[in-house]
Protein backbone atom coordinates (compact mmCIF):
# COMPACT_ATOMS: atom_id res chain seq x y z
CA UNK A 1 -0.30 0.16 0.28
CA UNK A 2 1.11 3.22 -0.78
CA UNK A 3 1.14 6.80 1.18
CA UNK A 4 -0.33 9.87 0.00
CA UNK A 5 -0.60 9.87 -3.89
CA UNK A 6 1.72 11.92 -5.39
CA UNK A 7 0.12 14.16 -8.09
CA UNK A 8 3.07 14.18 -10.69
CA UNK A 9 3.61 10.36 -10.51
CA UNK A 10 0.04 9.20 -11.22
CA UNK A 11 -3.31 9.60 -9.44
CA UNK A 12 -5.96 6.80 -8.43
CA UNK A 13 -9.49 5.94 -9.11
CA UNK A 14 -12.19 4.68 -6.83
CA UNK A 15 -15.88 2.97 -7.45
CA UNK A 16 -18.39 4.67 -6.23
CA UNK A 17 -22.10 2.40 -5.45
CA UNK A 18 -25.00 4.07 -5.81
CA UNK A 19 -27.09 3.04 -3.01
CA UNK A 20 -30.35 1.60 -4.95
CA UNK A 21 -27.88 -0.89 -6.43
CA UNK A 22 -27.56 -4.43 -5.60
CA UNK A 23 -24.15 -3.91 -4.46
CA UNK A 24 -25.51 -1.79 -1.91
CA UNK A 25 -26.34 -2.61 1.55
CA UNK A 26 -29.57 0.14 1.25
CA UNK A 27 -30.37 -2.12 -1.99
CA UNK A 28 -34.13 -3.25 -0.93
CA UNK A 29 -35.41 -5.80 -3.57
CA UNK A 30 -38.90 -5.64 -2.71
CA UNK A 31 -38.71 -1.99 -3.52
CA UNK A 32 -40.21 -1.05 -7.30
CA UNK A 33 -38.20 1.30 -9.34
CA UNK A 34 -40.92 3.64 -9.35
CA UNK A 35 -40.35 3.63 -5.12
CA UNK A 36 -36.79 3.71 -5.44
CA UNK A 37 -36.83 6.86 -7.71
CA UNK A 38 -39.50 8.61 -5.78
CA UNK A 39 -37.40 8.09 -2.88
CA UNK A 40 -34.75 9.48 -4.09
CA UNK A 41 -36.91 12.35 -5.15
CA UNK A 42 -37.72 12.86 -1.85
CA UNK A 43 -33.57 13.09 -0.43
CA UNK A 44 -32.98 15.37 -2.87
CA UNK A 45 -35.44 17.74 -1.34
CA UNK A 46 -34.23 16.88 2.44
CA UNK A 47 -30.35 17.75 0.94
CA UNK A 48 -31.62 21.16 0.59
CA UNK A 49 -32.94 21.54 3.59
CA UNK A 50 -29.97 20.66 5.35
CA UNK A 51 -28.05 22.29 3.32
CA UNK A 52 -30.32 26.04 3.85
CA UNK A 53 -29.98 24.96 7.41
CA UNK A 54 -33.64 24.66 7.81
CA UNK A 55 -36.38 22.33 9.18
CA UNK A 56 -38.28 20.20 6.23
CA UNK A 57 -41.96 21.79 6.43
CA UNK A 58 -43.33 19.46 3.98
CA UNK A 59 -44.10 16.34 5.58
CA UNK A 60 -43.20 14.27 2.30
CA UNK A 61 -39.28 15.74 2.68
CA UNK A 62 -38.43 13.48 5.97
CA UNK A 63 -34.26 14.78 6.02
CA UNK A 64 -32.29 12.17 7.02
CA UNK A 65 -28.48 12.98 7.66
CA UNK A 66 -27.37 10.09 6.12
CA UNK A 67 -29.13 10.71 2.67
CA UNK A 68 -26.08 11.00 -0.02
CA UNK A 69 -26.77 8.88 -3.30
CA UNK A 70 -23.44 7.12 -3.41
CA UNK A 71 -21.23 4.67 -1.63
CA UNK A 72 -17.46 4.14 -1.14
CA UNK A 73 -15.52 0.95 0.15
CA UNK A 74 -13.11 2.28 2.72
CA UNK A 75 -10.97 1.12 5.65
CA UNK A 76 -9.95 2.54 8.76
CA UNK A 77 -7.15 1.93 11.14
CA UNK A 78 -4.19 -0.61 10.98
CA UNK A 79 -4.79 -3.75 10.67
CA UNK A 80 -7.89 -2.09 8.04
CA UNK A 81 -11.30 -2.44 9.45
CA UNK A 82 -13.62 -2.37 6.39
CA UNK A 83 -16.58 0.33 6.52
CA UNK A 84 -19.01 1.15 3.84
CA UNK A 85 -19.52 5.35 3.72
CA UNK A 86 -21.70 7.16 2.18
CA UNK A 87 -19.51 9.74 -0.37
CA UNK A 88 -20.56 13.16 0.17
CA UNK A 89 -19.99 16.43 -1.48
CA UNK A 90 -22.35 18.20 0.56
CA UNK A 91 -20.45 17.77 3.52
CA UNK A 92 -16.74 17.63 4.95
CA UNK A 93 -15.98 15.56 7.79
CA UNK A 94 -15.24 12.14 7.47
CA UNK A 95 -16.81 10.45 10.58
CA UNK A 96 -17.81 6.69 11.53
CA UNK A 97 -19.39 4.93 14.94
CA UNK A 98 -16.50 4.06 17.05
CA UNK A 99 -16.30 1.82 20.63
CA UNK A 100 -17.10 2.67 22.93
CA UNK A 101 -20.31 4.20 22.12
CA UNK A 102 -22.37 6.25 25.13
CA UNK A 103 -25.11 6.46 22.75
CA UNK A 104 -25.19 4.96 19.21
CA UNK A 105 -27.78 4.20 16.73
CA UNK A 106 -28.53 0.70 15.33
CA UNK A 107 -25.90 -0.20 13.18
CA UNK A 108 -25.71 -3.63 11.38
CA UNK A 109 -22.00 -4.10 10.42
CA UNK A 110 -19.29 -4.10 13.26
CA UNK A 111 -18.14 -0.73 14.87
CA UNK A 112 -14.64 0.44 14.43
CA UNK A 113 -12.64 0.08 17.90
CA UNK A 114 -10.03 2.65 18.15
CA UNK A 115 -7.90 0.43 20.71
CA UNK A 116 -7.79 -2.16 17.69
CA UNK A 117 -5.68 -0.19 15.39
CA UNK A 118 -2.08 0.77 15.37
CA UNK A 119 -1.94 3.92 13.73
CA UNK A 120 -5.05 5.75 15.91
CA UNK A 121 -4.22 9.05 17.12
CA UNK A 122 -6.59 11.46 19.46
CA UNK A 123 -5.40 15.02 18.35
CA UNK A 124 -4.78 17.83 20.86
CA UNK A 125 -7.27 20.55 21.13
CA UNK A 126 -4.10 23.35 19.93
CA UNK A 127 -3.39 20.97 16.70
CA UNK A 128 -4.06 21.99 13.00
CA UNK A 129 -6.42 19.53 12.70
CA UNK A 130 -8.34 20.21 15.84
CA UNK A 131 -8.49 24.05 13.73
CA UNK A 132 -9.51 22.63 10.48
CA UNK A 133 -12.78 21.46 12.38
CA UNK A 134 -13.90 24.55 13.67
CA UNK A 135 -16.70 24.40 11.41
CA UNK A 136 -18.06 21.30 12.64
CA UNK A 137 -18.34 22.42 15.94
CA UNK A 138 -14.63 21.06 17.13
CA UNK A 139 -14.04 21.92 21.41
CA UNK A 140 -12.00 20.54 24.17
CA UNK A 141 -12.82 17.55 26.25
CA UNK A 142 -13.32 17.84 30.01
CA UNK A 143 -9.64 17.68 31.06
CA UNK A 144 -8.71 19.82 27.87
CA UNK A 145 -6.45 16.86 26.00
CA UNK A 146 -8.37 15.66 23.27
CA UNK A 147 -10.10 17.76 20.53
CA UNK A 148 -13.95 16.70 20.01
CA UNK A 149 -16.10 17.54 16.96
CA UNK A 150 -19.91 17.67 16.80
CA UNK A 151 -22.25 17.86 14.14
CA UNK A 152 -26.04 18.55 14.04
CA UNK A 153 -28.46 18.02 11.50
CA UNK A 154 -31.74 19.81 10.35
CA UNK A 155 -33.62 16.84 11.38
CA UNK A 156 -32.15 16.71 15.09
CA UNK A 157 -29.64 13.88 14.16
CA UNK A 158 -26.29 14.42 15.30
CA UNK A 159 -22.59 12.68 15.94
CA UNK A 160 -20.24 13.68 18.24
CA UNK A 161 -16.53 11.89 19.61
CA UNK A 162 -13.32 12.28 19.47
CA UNK A 163 -11.10 14.28 16.63
CA UNK A 164 -8.11 11.57 15.55
CA UNK A 165 -5.29 11.21 12.44
CA UNK A 166 -5.96 7.58 11.36
CA UNK A 167 -4.76 6.22 8.14
CA UNK A 168 -7.09 5.81 5.40
CA UNK A 169 -7.32 3.01 2.98
CA UNK A 170 -9.43 3.45 -0.40
CA UNK A 171 -10.13 0.40 -2.17
CA UNK A 172 -8.52 1.32 -6.20
CA UNK A 173 -10.14 0.53 -9.39
CA UNK A 174 -6.67 -1.22 -9.93
CA UNK A 175 -7.05 -3.45 -7.08
CA UNK A 176 -3.85 -1.54 -5.31
CA UNK A 177 -5.25 -0.07 -2.38
CA UNK A 178 -4.51 3.32 -1.32
CA UNK A 179 -3.52 4.14 2.48
CA UNK A 180 -3.63 7.78 3.81
CA UNK A 181 -2.22 7.84 6.62
CA UNK A 182 -2.81 10.78 9.61
CA UNK A 183 -6.04 11.46 7.90
CA UNK A 184 -8.64 13.74 10.47
CA UNK A 185 -11.32 11.70 11.26
CA UNK A 186 -14.20 11.82 13.66
CA UNK A 187 -14.28 8.91 15.73
CA UNK A 188 -17.91 9.11 16.97
CA UNK A 189 -19.39 8.14 20.23
CA UNK A 190 -22.76 9.67 20.56
CA UNK A 191 -24.62 9.65 17.30
CA UNK A 192 -27.85 9.45 16.98
CA UNK A 193 -31.03 10.15 14.73
CA UNK A 194 -32.09 9.17 11.68
CA UNK A 195 -29.20 7.33 10.52
CA UNK A 196 -30.00 4.00 9.12
CA UNK A 197 -28.87 0.68 10.63
CA UNK A 198 -27.18 0.13 7.03
CA UNK A 199 -24.95 2.73 6.87
CA UNK A 200 -21.57 2.88 8.94
CA UNK A 201 -19.71 6.18 7.61
CA UNK A 202 -19.85 9.52 5.71
CA UNK A 203 -16.67 10.39 3.67
CA UNK A 204 -17.16 14.21 3.20
CA UNK A 205 -15.82 15.51 -0.43
CA UNK A 206 -16.98 19.14 0.04
CA UNK A 207 -14.39 22.09 -0.28
CA UNK A 208 -13.87 22.87 3.75
CA UNK A 209 -10.92 22.02 5.34
CA UNK A 210 -11.97 18.78 6.59
CA UNK A 211 -12.98 16.67 3.49
CA UNK A 212 -11.18 14.04 1.83
CA UNK A 213 -10.32 16.54 -0.88
CA UNK A 214 -9.07 19.18 0.98
CA UNK A 215 -6.88 16.78 3.07
CA UNK A 216 -5.30 15.04 -0.34
CA UNK A 217 -4.79 18.61 -1.15
CA UNK A 218 -1.52 18.91 -3.16
CA UNK A 219 -0.80 15.17 -3.48
CA UNK A 220 -3.64 15.20 -6.12
CA UNK A 221 -3.00 18.69 -7.60
CA UNK A 222 -6.25 19.78 -6.28
CA UNK A 223 -7.94 18.10 -8.91
CA UNK A 224 -11.01 15.07 -8.52
CA UNK A 225 -13.59 13.94 -11.09
CA UNK A 226 -16.40 11.61 -11.34
CA UNK A 227 -18.14 9.69 -13.91
CA UNK A 228 -21.81 8.54 -13.16
CA UNK A 229 -23.73 6.03 -15.25
CA UNK A 230 -27.33 6.74 -15.41
CA UNK A 231 -29.59 4.46 -12.97
CA UNK A 232 -30.90 2.12 -15.47
CA UNK A 233 -27.40 0.85 -16.83
CA UNK A 234 -26.86 -2.54 -16.27
CA UNK A 235 -23.55 -1.60 -14.36
CA UNK A 236 -24.50 0.17 -11.36
CA UNK A 237 -21.15 1.07 -10.64
CA UNK A 238 -19.58 4.77 -11.33
CA UNK A 239 -16.00 5.88 -11.21
CA UNK A 240 -14.41 9.17 -8.76
CA UNK A 241 -10.93 10.01 -10.15
CA UNK A 242 -8.32 11.67 -8.05
CA UNK A 243 -4.79 13.54 -9.30
CA UNK A 244 -3.55 13.05 -12.92
CA UNK A 245 -6.63 10.54 -13.64
CA UNK A 246 -9.31 13.19 -12.84
CA UNK A 247 -7.59 15.61 -15.72
CA UNK A 248 -10.63 16.45 -18.06
CA UNK A 249 -9.13 17.00 -21.59
CA UNK A 250 -9.89 15.83 -25.34
CA UNK A 251 -12.21 16.94 -27.63
CA UNK A 252 -15.91 18.15 -26.30
CA UNK A 253 -14.65 19.47 -23.02
CA UNK A 254 -16.77 22.73 -21.59
CA UNK A 255 -15.30 24.49 -18.60
CA UNK A 256 -17.21 27.03 -16.27
CA UNK A 257 -15.70 28.89 -13.04
CA UNK A 258 -15.72 27.09 -9.99
CA UNK A 259 -17.07 29.87 -7.61
CA UNK A 260 -16.09 29.58 -3.66
CA UNK A 261 -18.15 31.63 -0.63
CA UNK A 262 -16.12 32.14 2.25
CA UNK A 263 -19.12 31.81 4.16
CA UNK A 264 -20.47 28.27 3.08
CA UNK A 265 -16.72 26.69 2.09
CA UNK A 266 -18.38 22.97 1.84
CA UNK A 267 -20.39 23.88 -1.35
CA UNK A 268 -19.43 24.07 -5.01
CA UNK A 269 -21.24 27.19 -6.67
CA UNK A 270 -21.62 27.50 -10.23
CA UNK A 271 -23.15 30.21 -12.26
CA UNK A 272 -26.18 29.22 -14.62
CA UNK A 273 -27.62 31.84 -16.47
CA UNK A 274 -30.00 30.44 -18.51
CA UNK A 275 -31.47 26.79 -19.75
CA UNK A 276 -32.70 26.53 -23.44
CA UNK A 277 -35.90 24.01 -24.62
CA UNK A 278 -35.63 24.04 -28.00
CA UNK A 279 -35.55 27.51 -29.35
CA UNK A 280 -36.95 28.81 -25.75
CA UNK A 281 -34.11 30.60 -23.36
CA UNK A 282 -35.18 30.67 -19.68
CA UNK A 283 -33.11 33.28 -17.97
CA UNK A 284 -32.00 31.74 -14.23
CA UNK A 285 -31.87 33.59 -11.33
CA UNK A 286 -31.31 30.72 -8.66
CA UNK A 287 -30.16 31.34 -5.35
CA UNK A 288 -29.35 34.32 -3.52
CA UNK A 289 -26.40 32.95 -1.71
CA UNK A 290 -23.01 32.15 -2.94
CA UNK A 291 -21.86 35.15 -3.92
CA UNK A 292 -21.73 35.41 -7.66
CA UNK A 293 -22.99 31.39 -7.91
CA UNK A 294 -26.14 30.90 -7.86
CA UNK A 295 -26.76 27.02 -8.05
CA UNK A 296 -24.75 24.34 -6.44
CA UNK A 297 -23.12 21.36 -8.01
CA UNK A 298 -23.59 18.23 -6.13
CA UNK A 299 -23.38 14.47 -6.51
CA UNK A 300 -25.58 13.31 -3.53
CA UNK A 301 -28.79 15.06 -4.76
CA UNK A 302 -30.57 13.29 -7.51
CA UNK A 303 -32.93 15.98 -8.92
CA UNK A 304 -32.25 19.17 -10.37
CA UNK A 305 -33.93 22.03 -7.74
CA UNK A 306 -34.57 25.09 -9.05
CA UNK A 307 -36.93 28.04 -8.14
CA UNK A 308 -40.40 27.57 -8.32
CA UNK A 309 -40.93 30.56 -10.96
CA UNK A 310 -38.65 28.69 -12.92
CA UNK A 311 -39.47 25.08 -13.06
CA UNK A 312 -42.87 26.40 -14.16
CA UNK A 313 -41.64 28.24 -17.11
CA UNK A 314 -39.18 24.97 -18.01
CA UNK A 315 -41.87 22.56 -17.72
CA UNK A 316 -44.39 24.33 -19.62
CA UNK A 317 -41.62 24.85 -22.44
CA UNK A 318 -40.83 20.76 -22.60
CA UNK A 319 -44.56 20.18 -22.28
CA UNK A 320 -45.02 22.14 -25.25
CA UNK A 321 -42.64 21.16 -27.05
CA UNK A 322 -42.69 17.72 -26.43
CA UNK A 323 -44.12 15.18 -29.34
CA UNK A 324 -45.68 12.26 -29.37
CA UNK A 325 -46.14 9.78 -26.18
CA UNK A 326 -48.61 9.98 -23.55
CA UNK A 327 -48.94 12.12 -20.75
CA UNK A 328 -49.66 10.80 -17.88
CA UNK A 329 -49.56 10.79 -13.80
CA UNK A 330 -46.50 9.95 -11.64
CA UNK A 331 -47.39 6.29 -10.13
CA UNK A 332 -45.71 7.55 -6.66
CA UNK A 333 -47.29 10.78 -6.63
CA UNK A 334 -44.30 12.86 -6.54
CA UNK A 335 -43.10 14.28 -10.18
CA UNK A 336 -45.33 16.60 -12.08
CA UNK A 337 -44.98 16.18 -15.58
CA UNK A 338 -44.77 12.31 -16.63
CA UNK A 339 -45.16 10.44 -20.02
CA UNK A 340 -45.61 7.03 -21.35
CA UNK A 341 -42.00 6.40 -23.32
CA UNK A 342 -43.08 4.83 -26.39
CA UNK A 343 -41.58 5.12 -29.99
CA UNK A 344 -43.66 8.17 -31.19
CA UNK A 345 -42.33 9.99 -27.98
CA UNK A 346 -40.02 12.76 -28.89
CA UNK A 347 -38.57 15.06 -26.39
CA UNK A 348 -36.75 18.83 -27.43
CA UNK A 349 -32.94 19.70 -27.26
CA UNK A 350 -32.43 21.32 -23.98
CA UNK A 351 -29.09 23.07 -23.07
CA UNK A 352 -27.60 24.25 -19.41
CA UNK A 353 -26.04 27.65 -20.42
CA UNK A 354 -23.24 27.99 -17.78
CA UNK A 355 -20.94 30.84 -17.46
CA UNK A 356 -18.14 29.98 -20.74
CA UNK A 357 -20.32 26.53 -20.88
CA UNK A 358 -23.14 25.71 -23.09
CA UNK A 359 -23.90 22.06 -21.69
CA UNK A 360 -26.15 19.82 -24.19
CA UNK A 361 -28.15 17.55 -22.22
CA UNK A 362 -29.66 14.33 -23.63
CA UNK A 363 -32.85 12.60 -23.08
CA UNK A 364 -31.46 10.55 -19.87
CA UNK A 365 -30.28 13.92 -18.26
CA UNK A 366 -33.79 15.59 -18.30
CA UNK A 367 -36.19 12.32 -17.84
CA UNK A 368 -35.89 9.59 -15.08
CA UNK A 369 -37.21 6.34 -15.94
CA UNK A 370 -39.63 5.88 -12.61
CA UNK A 371 -40.73 2.52 -14.27
CA UNK A 372 -40.99 0.26 -17.95
CA UNK A 373 -43.93 2.39 -18.78
CA UNK A 374 -43.20 5.69 -17.40
CA UNK A 375 -40.41 8.50 -17.74
CA UNK A 376 -40.99 12.15 -15.55
CA UNK A 377 -38.97 15.60 -15.30
CA UNK A 378 -35.92 15.30 -13.49
CA UNK A 379 -36.43 18.82 -12.08
CA UNK A 380 -38.67 20.10 -9.00
CA UNK A 381 -39.50 23.27 -7.70
CA UNK A 382 -37.63 24.46 -4.57
CA UNK A 383 -37.08 28.22 -3.87
CA UNK A 384 -34.83 27.64 -0.95
CA UNK A 385 -31.59 26.40 -2.38
CA UNK A 386 -30.53 25.71 -6.43
CA UNK A 387 -28.87 22.27 -6.83
CA UNK A 388 -27.66 20.91 -9.91
CA UNK A 389 -28.23 17.09 -9.35
CA UNK A 390 -26.91 14.06 -10.58
CA UNK A 391 -29.29 12.75 -12.68
CA UNK A 392 -28.30 16.10 -14.95
CA UNK A 393 -24.80 14.83 -14.52
CA UNK A 394 -24.68 11.26 -15.91
CA UNK A 395 -22.66 10.37 -18.79
CA UNK A 396 -20.44 13.32 -17.93
CA UNK A 397 -17.10 13.15 -16.97
CA UNK A 398 -17.20 15.99 -14.77
CA UNK A 399 -14.13 17.54 -13.19
CA UNK A 400 -12.74 20.08 -10.44
CA UNK A 401 -9.65 21.99 -10.71
CA UNK A 402 -9.27 23.75 -7.25
CA UNK A 403 -6.54 25.38 -8.54
CA UNK A 404 -7.52 27.71 -11.51
CA UNK A 405 -11.44 27.08 -10.01
CA UNK A 406 -13.22 25.71 -13.40
CA UNK A 407 -15.66 22.65 -13.45
CA UNK A 408 -15.42 20.61 -17.10
CA UNK A 409 -18.01 18.80 -18.65
CA UNK A 410 -17.12 16.06 -21.28
CA UNK A 411 -19.71 14.18 -22.37
CA UNK A 412 -18.59 10.64 -21.49
CA UNK A 413 -19.96 6.84 -21.54
CA UNK A 414 -19.46 5.97 -18.17
CA UNK A 415 -20.26 2.60 -18.44
CA UNK A 416 -16.85 2.09 -19.64
CA UNK A 417 -14.54 4.21 -17.54
């Protein structure tokens, strides 16, 4: 196993497993495809409530603290202890439940025991590692010897425990594990709320200093990318790349500024200027937060969430220009614009006009298959925060270059990555 990857000598890639696929502990074979898609849509609404630090008022929007859409296999400690963690671009801290538990939620997998790891070290309150977690509510233990963290989610869920430096090991696609020594993690001893017993950790991939991406830092040249397969693909596994593996180049690459907001360093903001449906161009205002950025790009949100006025214009434009097919209702009652996708159905071309990048979307980016007979518009009205979701990102190689502050799109068959 290697230590931190040197971006000059190469990068590495890992698998991302969708939480509703057969390779996931969250997979429920009794759920219909429509139910899975509906649940993913509801989780999208939950995430925006969490992101905007508001409590959900919609009874259907059950916010859960572990509602990301993709999982990653990691290990903690020496010897490596396997954990299936949610990969979350909407949070920063890396944490798992740890023994001993003063108050832990039920977890199907065994708990990580720091005493069984020779590489586990708690960190002091005066350390840089502790300072990096100030946004996560870091504090000192009662005797002043150990840095502690506390994260509270919008649904009253919480995790708190010790801040530690530990070896985190990623399962790379080449089969050679990548060991990252002295990674700052949260070792949760008091965790409660709506956490699912199927999950055993979260890997934060946001822009804050405590995230995995930030901790890798110069070792990956500030670069990461991912390529997400469509929900209906036979191969359910997507790819995430770091370092030189994450460079997006070649024909068809479009780039737009990646905008940071110091008041919300976790989030990756973009400037979406308009969306075209056929010849109709609809100006986009988006969120009032994020400085010059007006929409967050997030791998863990399924749908693209846009203001109500914009959604109405977009939905009307799509409905007006769709030909063939039969308009129908969502069997789960969640989506507002749905069709029976017979051979006569033709969808209008849709382009997302980001600053400097006109991204042409395919039908798989615009509509989501809820069952064998129904497809629905994969956008949803929300006035709190605008999010460019993962359906719109599928079959694009999405590259983040943090030093250059650019985000790149390249149309790609992600089943071949």
